Amino acid sequence: MAKKSNRAAVIYFPGRVDLKKVRRLVSTALSGMGWEIPLYLKTEADETGGVQALRAIAQKATHIVVIGGDGTVRSVLEEVAKSGATVSVGIVPIGTGNVLARNLNLPLTDMQLQIERALFGNAHQIDLGLAKIILADGKRMEKHFAVMAGIGLDAKIMLHTDADRKRRIGWVAYVEGGLKMLPIRYENLLVSVDNREPRSLKVVTLLIGNVGWLPGRLSMMPDAAMDDGRLDVAAIGPRRFWNWIDFWSRVTVGN
């Protein structure tokens, strides 16, 4: 039986990638390795990585390199998981937060090192979370995630963060998004974990996460592990003035 050949597919965010440089570095890294000619698939505004992952799988890719931020990585991982294909994924983080890459201790600078690690780094299995959502109009949808899912202030900040500002000034744009949400409202939620009796919580944010560390070594869920088969929950609801000082100092000064 003929040995199965390896083929890499590079999925990249075109607005922040020097494709000529990437091609050169990938070609150098793969030189002499016997791999097939790699594929290069750029993302679009309405195709953020998932469609490209399916195209890569259809064209016999055995390894996908994602050059992008957490959103692009999430889209790719979701479709790879749903496809059931035996495909490994490497990450070259060029986003704003790069939360998954930070929790994997991947290099955030030096493109050559990033690509070498994305192609030939040690394999690490991770869990994926599944969010089942019922929209206001009754429509149902499902989303896989590798980092965190949030309800409340966290989600509202993401919705109100300007994408162009985020590309220009980085994570500070999220702080601006948070300021737009003042005054902050509490939400009353019923939360059940592992089919236990629901608990009533009054929070500004509820996070369900697979990882615990955010940029700036900000720990939201210190016991979270990517490969323990469990998701962690963080209920954030400061009550007193000094609680708010601690909360905002962690989010701003801590970063």
C-alpha atoms as a PDB file:
ATOM      1  CA  MET A   1       0.000   0.000   0.000  1.00  0.00           C
ATOM      2  CA  ALA A   2       1.340   3.424  -0.955  1.00  0.00           C
ATOM      3  CA  LYS A   3       2.246   5.709   1.914  1.00  0.00           C
ATOM      4  CA  LYS A   4      -0.167   8.611   2.353  1.00  0.00           C
ATOM      5  CA  SER A   5       1.504  11.904   1.433  1.00  0.00           C
ATOM      6  CA  ASN A   6       1.221  15.034   3.524  1.00  0.00           C
ATOM      7  CA  ARG A   7      -0.227  18.270   2.228  1.00  0.00           C
ATOM      8  CA  ALA A   8      -0.479  21.589   4.033  1.00  0.00           C
ATOM      9  CA  ALA A   9      -3.210  24.158   3.483  1.00  0.00           C
ATOM     10  CA  VAL A  10      -2.552  27.715   4.634  1.00  0.00           C
ATOM     11  CA  ILE A  11      -5.690  29.669   5.536  1.00  0.00           C
ATOM     12  CA  TYR A  12      -4.837  33.320   5.989  1.00  0.00           C
ATOM     13  CA  PHE A  13      -6.434  36.675   6.780  1.00  0.00           C
ATOM     14  CA  PRO A  14      -5.427  38.757   3.735  1.00  0.00           C
ATOM     15  CA  GLY A  15      -5.537  42.212   5.333  1.00  0.00           C
ATOM     16  CA  ARG A  16      -2.652  41.487   7.699  1.00  0.00           C
ATOM     17  CA  VAL A  17      -0.501  38.962   5.849  1.00  0.00           C
ATOM     18  CA  ASP A  18       2.424  39.429   3.477  1.00  0.00           C
ATOM     19  CA  LEU A  19       1.588  36.442   1.278  1.00  0.00           C
ATOM     20  CA  LYS A  20       4.923  36.490  -0.579  1.00  0.00           C
ATOM     21  CA  LYS A  21       6.794  36.244   2.720  1.00  0.00           C
ATOM     22  CA  VAL A  22       4.491  33.493   3.969  1.00  0.00           C
ATOM     23  CA  ARG A  23       4.953  31.454   0.784  1.00  0.00           C
ATOM     24  CA  ARG A  24       8.732  31.802   1.054  1.00  0.00           C
ATOM     25  CA  LEU A  25       8.815  30.745   4.715  1.00  0.00           C
ATOM     26  CA  VAL A  26       6.459  27.814   4.181  1.00  0.00           C
ATOM     27  CA  SER A  27       8.436  26.654   1.147  1.00  0.00           C
ATOM     28  CA  THR A  28      11.683  26.830   3.146  1.00  0.00           C
ATOM     29  CA  ALA A  29      10.181  24.934   6.095  1.00  0.00           C
ATOM     30  CA  LEU A  30       8.805  22.170   3.851  1.00  0.00           C
ATOM     31  CA  SER A  31      11.929  21.872   1.703  1.00  0.00           C
ATOM     32  CA  GLY A  32      13.123  18.281   1.550  1.00  0.00           C
ATOM     33  CA  MET A  33      10.206  16.987   3.622  1.00  0.00           C
ATOM     34  CA  GLY A  34       8.463  15.265   0.705  1.00  0.00           C
ATOM     35  CA  TRP A  35       5.177  17.120   1.187  1.00  0.00           C
ATOM     36  CA  GLU A  36       2.912  17.991  -1.729  1.00  0.00           C
ATOM     37  CA  ILE A  37       2.639  21.589  -2.962  1.00  0.00           C
ATOM     38  CA  PRO A  38       0.707  23.523  -0.273  1.00  0.00           C
ATOM     39  CA  LEU A  39      -2.630  25.225  -0.782  1.00  0.00           C
ATOM     40  CA  TYR A  40      -3.217  28.913   0.005  1.00  0.00           C
ATOM     41  CA  LEU A  41      -6.780  29.939   0.835  1.00  0.00           C
ATOM     42  CA  LYS A  42      -7.654  33.490   1.897  1.00  0.00           C
ATOM     43  CA  THR A  43     -10.603  34.349   4.104  1.00  0.00           C
ATOM     44  CA  GLU A  44     -13.401  36.712   3.089  1.00  0.00           C
ATOM     45  CA  ALA A  45     -15.765  38.956   5.029  1.00  0.00           C
ATOM     46  CA  ASP A  46     -18.516  36.322   4.772  1.00  0.00           C
ATOM     47  CA  GLU A  47     -16.199  33.290   4.769  1.00  0.00           C
ATOM     48  CA  THR A  48     -14.080  33.562   7.913  1.00  0.00           C
ATOM     49  CA  GLY A  49     -12.181  30.280   7.733  1.00  0.00           C
ATOM     50  CA  GLY A  50     -14.686  27.445   7.957  1.00  0.00           C
ATOM     51  CA  VAL A  51     -15.455  27.283   4.249  1.00  0.00           C
ATOM     52  CA  GLN A  52     -11.752  27.388   3.477  1.00  0.00           C
ATOM     53  CA  ALA A  53     -11.141  24.490   5.882  1.00  0.00           C
ATOM     54  CA  LEU A  54     -13.718  22.359   4.073  1.00  0.00           C
ATOM     55  CA  ARG A  55     -12.124  23.240   0.718  1.00  0.00           C
ATOM     56  CA  ALA A  56      -8.729  22.238   2.102  1.00  0.00           C
ATOM     57  CA  ILE A  57     -10.082  18.896   3.323  1.00  0.00           C
ATOM     58  CA  ALA A  58     -11.763  18.287  -0.043  1.00  0.00           C
ATOM     59  CA  GLN A  59      -8.379  18.843  -1.718  1.00  0.00           C
ATOM     60  CA  LYS A  60      -6.709  16.201   0.479  1.00  0.00           C
ATOM     61  CA  ALA A  61      -4.980  18.511   2.936  1.00  0.00           C
ATOM     62  CA  THR A  62      -3.653  16.612   5.957  1.00  0.00           C
ATOM     63  CA  HIS A  63      -2.562  19.681   7.934  1.00  0.00           C
ATOM     64  CA  ILE A  64      -4.044  23.179   8.098  1.00  0.00           C
ATOM     65  CA  VAL A  65      -2.088  26.272   9.117  1.00  0.00           C
ATOM     66  CA  VAL A  66      -4.303  29.145  10.243  1.00  0.00           C
ATOM     67  CA  ILE A  67      -2.754  32.604   9.994  1.00  0.00           C
ATOM     68  CA  GLY A  68      -5.238  34.834  11.768  1.00  0.00           C
ATOM     69  CA  GLY A  69      -6.880  35.709  15.055  1.00  0.00           C
ATOM     70  CA  ASP A  70      -9.140  33.794  17.419  1.00  0.00           C
ATOM     71  CA  GLY A  71     -12.188  34.278  15.186  1.00  0.00           C
ATOM     72  CA  THR A  72     -10.507  32.686  12.179  1.00  0.00           C
ATOM     73  CA  VAL A  73      -9.111  29.872  14.321  1.00  0.00           C
ATOM     74  CA  ARG A  74     -12.559  29.187  15.821  1.00  0.00           C
ATOM     75  CA  SER A  75     -14.178  28.981  12.389  1.00  0.00           C
ATOM     76  CA  VAL A  76     -11.560  26.529  11.129  1.00  0.00           C
ATOM     77  CA  LEU A  77     -11.649  24.303  14.221  1.00  0.00           C
ATOM     78  CA  GLU A  78     -15.449  24.178  14.117  1.00  0.00           C
ATOM     79  CA  GLU A  79     -15.600  22.879  10.554  1.00  0.00           C
ATOM     80  CA  VAL A  80     -12.699  20.467  11.043  1.00  0.00           C
ATOM     81  CA  ALA A  81     -14.481  18.989  14.076  1.00  0.00           C
ATOM     82  CA  LYS A  82     -17.833  18.761  12.305  1.00  0.00           C
ATOM     83  CA  SER A  83     -16.268  17.153   9.220  1.00  0.00           C
ATOM     84  CA  GLY A  84     -14.771  14.272  11.188  1.00  0.00           C
ATOM     85  CA  ALA A  85     -11.670  14.458   8.977  1.00  0.00           C
ATOM     86  CA  THR A  86      -8.273  13.378  10.305  1.00  0.00           C
ATOM     87  CA  VAL A  87      -6.621  16.755   9.929  1.00  0.00           C
ATOM     88  CA  SER A  88      -4.224  18.517  12.278  1.00  0.00           C
ATOM     89  CA  VAL A  89      -4.256  22.297  12.751  1.00  0.00           C
ATOM     90  CA  GLY A  90      -1.402  24.710  13.446  1.00  0.00           C
ATOM     91  CA  ILE A  91      -1.764  28.364  14.429  1.00  0.00           C
ATOM     92  CA  VAL A  92       0.179  31.467  13.402  1.00  0.00           C
ATOM     93  CA  PRO A  93      -1.391  34.116  15.679  1.00  0.00           C
ATOM     94  CA  ILE A  94      -1.762  37.579  14.142  1.00  0.00           C
ATOM     95  CA  GLY A  95      -5.008  38.687  15.814  1.00  0.00           C
ATOM     96  CA  THR A  96      -5.804  41.152  18.583  1.00  0.00           C
ATOM     97  CA  GLY A  97      -6.117  38.822  21.556  1.00  0.00           C
ATOM     98  CA  ASN A  98      -4.656  35.516  20.289  1.00  0.00           C
ATOM     99  CA  VAL A  99      -6.105  33.901  23.406  1.00  0.00           C
ATOM    100  CA  LEU A 100      -5.857  30.281  22.269  1.00  0.00           C
ATOM    101  CA  ALA A 101      -2.289  30.785  21.057  1.00  0.00           C
ATOM    102  CA  ARG A 102      -1.311  32.348  24.398  1.00  0.00           C
ATOM    103  CA  ASN A 103      -2.780  29.426  26.325  1.00  0.00           C
ATOM    104  CA  LEU A 104      -0.830  27.054  24.059  1.00  0.00           C
ATOM    105  CA  ASN A 105       2.351  29.081  24.712  1.00  0.00           C
ATOM    106  CA  LEU A 106       2.851  29.703  21.008  1.00  0.00           C
ATOM    107  CA  PRO A 107       5.259  32.438  19.841  1.00  0.00           C
ATOM    108  CA  LEU A 108       3.500  35.733  19.139  1.00  0.00           C
ATOM    109  CA  THR A 109       6.352  37.248  17.114  1.00  0.00           C
ATOM    110  CA  ASP A 110       8.955  36.001  14.603  1.00  0.00           C
ATOM    111  CA  MET A 111       7.001  34.755  11.608  1.00  0.00           C
ATOM    112  CA  GLN A 112       9.627  32.168  10.674  1.00  0.00           C
ATOM    113  CA  LEU A 113       9.450  30.532  14.109  1.00  0.00           C
ATOM    114  CA  GLN A 114       5.658  30.761  14.111  1.00  0.00           C
ATOM    115  CA  ILE A 115       5.354  28.953  10.783  1.00  0.00           C
ATOM    116  CA  GLU A 116       7.870  26.276  11.780  1.00  0.00           C
ATOM    117  CA  ARG A 117       5.916  25.630  15.005  1.00  0.00           C
ATOM    118  CA  ALA A 118       2.588  25.686  13.142  1.00  0.00           C
ATOM    119  CA  LEU A 119       3.867  23.037  10.723  1.00  0.00           C
ATOM    120  CA  PHE A 120       5.994  20.818  12.937  1.00  0.00           C
ATOM    121  CA  GLY A 121       5.264  21.718  16.563  1.00  0.00           C
ATOM    122  CA  ASN A 122       4.247  19.119  19.135  1.00  0.00           C
ATOM    123  CA  ALA A 123       0.668  17.917  18.674  1.00  0.00           C
ATOM    124  CA  HIS A 124      -1.694  18.875  21.491  1.00  0.00           C
ATOM    125  CA  GLN A 125      -5.266  17.613  21.698  1.00  0.00           C
ATOM    126  CA  ILE A 126      -7.826  20.155  22.937  1.00  0.00           C
ATOM    127  CA  ASP A 127     -11.503  20.064  23.804  1.00  0.00           C
ATOM    128  CA  LEU A 128     -14.116  22.124  21.995  1.00  0.00           C
ATOM    129  CA  GLY A 129     -17.184  23.613  23.648  1.00  0.00           C
ATOM    130  CA  LEU A 130     -20.596  23.576  21.963  1.00  0.00           C
ATOM    131  CA  ALA A 131     -23.045  26.449  22.456  1.00  0.00           C
ATOM    132  CA  LYS A 132     -26.675  25.746  21.501  1.00  0.00           C
ATOM    133  CA  ILE A 133     -28.429  29.054  20.897  1.00  0.00           C
ATOM    134  CA  ILE A 134     -32.089  30.012  20.556  1.00  0.00           C
ATOM    135  CA  LEU A 135     -32.415  33.455  18.946  1.00  0.00           C
ATOM    136  CA  ALA A 136     -35.166  35.966  19.661  1.00  0.00           C
ATOM    137  CA  ASP A 137     -37.024  34.931  16.507  1.00  0.00           C
ATOM    138  CA  GLY A 138     -36.994  31.276  17.573  1.00  0.00           C
ATOM    139  CA  LYS A 139     -34.240  30.244  15.172  1.00  0.00           C
ATOM    140  CA  ARG A 140     -31.795  27.712  16.588  1.00  0.00           C
ATOM    141  CA  MET A 141     -28.085  27.525  15.882  1.00  0.00           C
ATOM    142  CA  GLU A 142     -24.964  25.845  17.227  1.00  0.00           C
ATOM    143  CA  LYS A 143     -21.424  27.177  17.569  1.00  0.00           C
ATOM    144  CA  HIS A 144     -18.261  25.354  18.599  1.00  0.00           C
ATOM    145  CA  PHE A 145     -15.612  27.288  20.523  1.00  0.00           C
ATOM    146  CA  ALA A 146     -12.086  26.578  21.727  1.00  0.00           C
ATOM    147  CA  VAL A 147     -11.644  29.561  24.055  1.00  0.00           C
ATOM    148  CA  MET A 148     -14.688  31.067  25.770  1.00  0.00           C
ATOM    149  CA  ALA A 149     -18.358  31.825  25.298  1.00  0.00           C
ATOM    150  CA  GLY A 150     -19.904  34.753  27.165  1.00  0.00           C
ATOM    151  CA  ILE A 151     -23.291  36.131  28.150  1.00  0.00           C
ATOM    152  CA  GLY A 152     -23.870  39.678  29.394  1.00  0.00           C
ATOM    153  CA  LEU A 153     -21.256  42.451  29.418  1.00  0.00           C
ATOM    154  CA  ASP A 154     -18.647  40.298  27.683  1.00  0.00           C
ATOM    155  CA  ALA A 155     -20.905  39.655  24.700  1.00  0.00           C
ATOM    156  CA  LYS A 156     -22.080  43.269  24.541  1.00  0.00           C
ATOM    157  CA  ILE A 157     -18.501  44.563  24.492  1.00  0.00           C
ATOM    158  CA  MET A 158     -17.714  42.284  21.539  1.00  0.00           C
ATOM    159  CA  LEU A 159     -20.782  43.571  19.688  1.00  0.00           C
ATOM    160  CA  HIS A 160     -19.885  47.225  20.312  1.00  0.00           C
ATOM    161  CA  THR A 161     -16.155  47.030  19.548  1.00  0.00           C
ATOM    162  CA  ASP A 162     -15.264  48.732  16.277  1.00  0.00           C
ATOM    163  CA  ALA A 163     -13.465  46.270  13.988  1.00  0.00           C
ATOM    164  CA  ASP A 164     -11.315  48.961  12.309  1.00  0.00           C
ATOM    165  CA  ARG A 165     -10.267  50.397  15.675  1.00  0.00           C
ATOM    166  CA  LYS A 166      -9.407  46.892  16.891  1.00  0.00           C
ATOM    167  CA  ARG A 167      -7.088  46.372  13.912  1.00  0.00           C
ATOM    168  CA  ARG A 168      -5.381  49.730  14.523  1.00  0.00           C
ATOM    169  CA  ILE A 169      -4.984  49.873  18.319  1.00  0.00           C
ATOM    170  CA  GLY A 170      -5.403  46.270  19.440  1.00  0.00           C
ATOM    171  CA  TRP A 171      -7.054  45.159  22.707  1.00  0.00           C
ATOM    172  CA  VAL A 172      -7.594  48.789  23.856  1.00  0.00           C
ATOM    173  CA  ALA A 173     -10.554  48.867  21.447  1.00  0.00           C
ATOM    174  CA  TYR A 174     -12.302  46.393  23.744  1.00  0.00           C
ATOM    175  CA  VAL A 175     -12.002  48.888  26.622  1.00  0.00           C
ATOM    176  CA  GLU A 176     -13.638  51.498  24.397  1.00  0.00           C
ATOM    177  CA  GLY A 177     -16.384  48.997  23.641  1.00  0.00           C
ATOM    178  CA  GLY A 178     -16.867  48.512  27.372  1.00  0.00           C
ATOM    179  CA  LEU A 179     -17.170  52.249  28.006  1.00  0.00           C
ATOM    180  CA  LYS A 180     -19.989  52.383  25.467  1.00  0.00           C
ATOM    181  CA  MET A 181     -21.948  49.997  27.685  1.00  0.00           C
ATOM    182  CA  LEU A 182     -21.965  52.264  30.760  1.00  0.00           C
ATOM    183  CA  PRO A 183     -23.925  52.209  32.998  1.00  0.00           C
ATOM    184  CA  ILE A 184     -23.526  48.458  33.418  1.00  0.00           C
ATOM    185  CA  ARG A 185     -26.642  46.362  33.939  1.00  0.00           C
ATOM    186  CA  TYR A 186     -26.905  43.194  35.985  1.00  0.00           C
ATOM    187  CA  GLU A 187     -28.578  40.126  34.499  1.00  0.00           C
ATOM    188  CA  ASN A 188     -30.507  37.506  36.468  1.00  0.00           C
ATOM    189  CA  LEU A 189     -29.637  34.028  35.176  1.00  0.00           C
ATOM    190  CA  LEU A 190     -30.543  30.470  36.076  1.00  0.00           C
ATOM    191  CA  VAL A 191     -27.398  28.364  35.769  1.00  0.00           C
ATOM    192  CA  SER A 192     -27.294  24.580  35.892  1.00  0.00           C
ATOM    193  CA  VAL A 193     -24.016  22.633  35.781  1.00  0.00           C
ATOM    194  CA  ASP A 194     -23.965  18.933  34.866  1.00  0.00           C
ATOM    195  CA  ASN A 195     -27.776  18.676  35.205  1.00  0.00           C
ATOM    196  CA  ARG A 196     -27.688  19.779  38.827  1.00  0.00           C
ATOM    197  CA  GLU A 197     -30.352  21.947  40.448  1.00  0.00           C
ATOM    198  CA  PRO A 198     -30.288  25.412  38.814  1.00  0.00           C
ATOM    199  CA  ARG A 199     -28.827  28.303  40.790  1.00  0.00           C
ATOM    200  CA  SER A 200     -30.014  31.883  40.473  1.00  0.00           C
ATOM    201  CA  LEU A 201     -27.118  34.268  39.793  1.00  0.00           C
ATOM    202  CA  LYS A 202     -27.035  38.042  39.449  1.00  0.00           C
ATOM    203  CA  VAL A 203     -24.099  38.860  37.201  1.00  0.00           C
ATOM    204  CA  VAL A 204     -22.730  41.329  34.682  1.00  0.00           C
ATOM    205  CA  THR A 205     -20.990  38.545  32.785  1.00  0.00           C
ATOM    206  CA  LEU A 206     -21.165  34.763  32.704  1.00  0.00           C
ATOM    207  CA  LEU A 207     -18.221  33.057  30.991  1.00  0.00           C
ATOM    208  CA  ILE A 208     -18.012  29.409  29.965  1.00  0.00           C
ATOM    209  CA  GLY A 209     -14.457  28.614  29.019  1.00  0.00           C
ATOM    210  CA  ASN A 210     -12.038  25.979  27.886  1.00  0.00           C
ATOM    211  CA  VAL A 211      -8.998  28.118  28.777  1.00  0.00           C
ATOM    212  CA  GLY A 212      -8.306  30.384  31.703  1.00  0.00           C
ATOM    213  CA  TRP A 213      -5.773  33.013  30.670  1.00  0.00           C
ATOM    214  CA  LEU A 214      -6.466  36.228  28.770  1.00  0.00           C
ATOM    215  CA  PRO A 215      -3.927  38.774  27.395  1.00  0.00           C
ATOM    216  CA  GLY A 216      -1.827  40.397  30.097  1.00  0.00           C
ATOM    217  CA  ARG A 217      -1.806  37.184  32.151  1.00  0.00           C
ATOM    218  CA  LEU A 218      -5.319  38.012  33.342  1.00  0.00           C
ATOM    219  CA  SER A 219      -6.698  34.829  34.882  1.00  0.00           C
ATOM    220  CA  MET A 220     -10.468  34.450  34.619  1.00  0.00           C
ATOM    221  CA  MET A 221     -10.614  30.685  35.253  1.00  0.00           C
ATOM    222  CA  PRO A 222      -7.305  29.550  36.820  1.00  0.00           C
ATOM    223  CA  ASP A 223      -8.280  25.862  36.930  1.00  0.00           C
ATOM    224  CA  ALA A 224      -9.384  25.619  33.284  1.00  0.00           C
ATOM    225  CA  ALA A 225      -7.526  23.066  31.157  1.00  0.00           C
ATOM    226  CA  MET A 226      -7.906  22.559  27.417  1.00  0.00           C
ATOM    227  CA  ASP A 227      -7.762  18.770  27.510  1.00  0.00           C
ATOM    228  CA  ASP A 228      -9.612  17.700  30.669  1.00  0.00           C
ATOM    229  CA  GLY A 229     -12.981  17.095  29.003  1.00  0.00           C
ATOM    230  CA  ARG A 230     -14.614  19.828  31.079  1.00  0.00           C
ATOM    231  CA  LEU A 231     -15.643  23.472  30.689  1.00  0.00           C
ATOM    232  CA  ASP A 232     -15.220  25.998  33.500  1.00  0.00           C
ATOM    233  CA  VAL A 233     -17.699  28.679  34.544  1.00  0.00           C
ATOM    234  CA  ALA A 234     -16.901  32.183  35.800  1.00  0.00           C
ATOM    235  CA  ALA A 235     -19.777  34.250  37.207  1.00  0.00           C
ATOM    236  CA  ILE A 236     -18.693  37.902  37.440  1.00  0.00           C
ATOM    237  CA  GLY A 237     -20.913  40.207  39.492  1.00  0.00           C
ATOM    238  CA  PRO A 238     -19.072  42.835  41.572  1.00  0.00           C
ATOM    239  CA  ARG A 239     -21.314  44.136  44.365  1.00  0.00           C
ATOM    240  CA  ARG A 240     -19.365  46.796  46.245  1.00  0.00           C
ATOM    241  CA  PHE A 241     -17.301  49.785  45.141  1.00  0.00           C
ATOM    242  CA  TRP A 242     -13.952  48.140  45.923  1.00  0.00           C
ATOM    243  CA  ASN A 243     -15.016  45.027  44.001  1.00  0.00           C
ATOM    244  CA  TRP A 244     -15.413  47.213  40.906  1.00  0.00           C
ATOM    245  CA  ILE A 245     -11.981  48.775  41.454  1.00  0.00           C
ATOM    246  CA  ASP A 246     -10.451  45.300  41.625  1.00  0.00           C
ATOM    247  CA  PHE A 247     -12.397  44.131  38.572  1.00  0.00           C
ATOM    248  CA  TRP A 248     -11.467  47.070  36.313  1.00  0.00           C
ATOM    249  CA  SER A 249      -7.839  47.093  37.508  1.00  0.00           C
ATOM    250  CA  ARG A 250      -7.546  43.449  36.431  1.00  0.00           C
ATOM    251  CA  VAL A 251      -9.059  44.190  33.026  1.00  0.00           C
ATOM    252  CA  THR A 252      -7.142  47.416  32.304  1.00  0.00           C
ATOM    253  CA  VAL A 253      -3.976  47.805  34.412  1.00  0.00           C
ATOM    254  CA  GLY A 254      -3.479  44.041  34.372  1.00  0.00           C
ATOM    255  CA  ASN A 255      -3.202  44.202  30.605  1.00  0.00           C
END
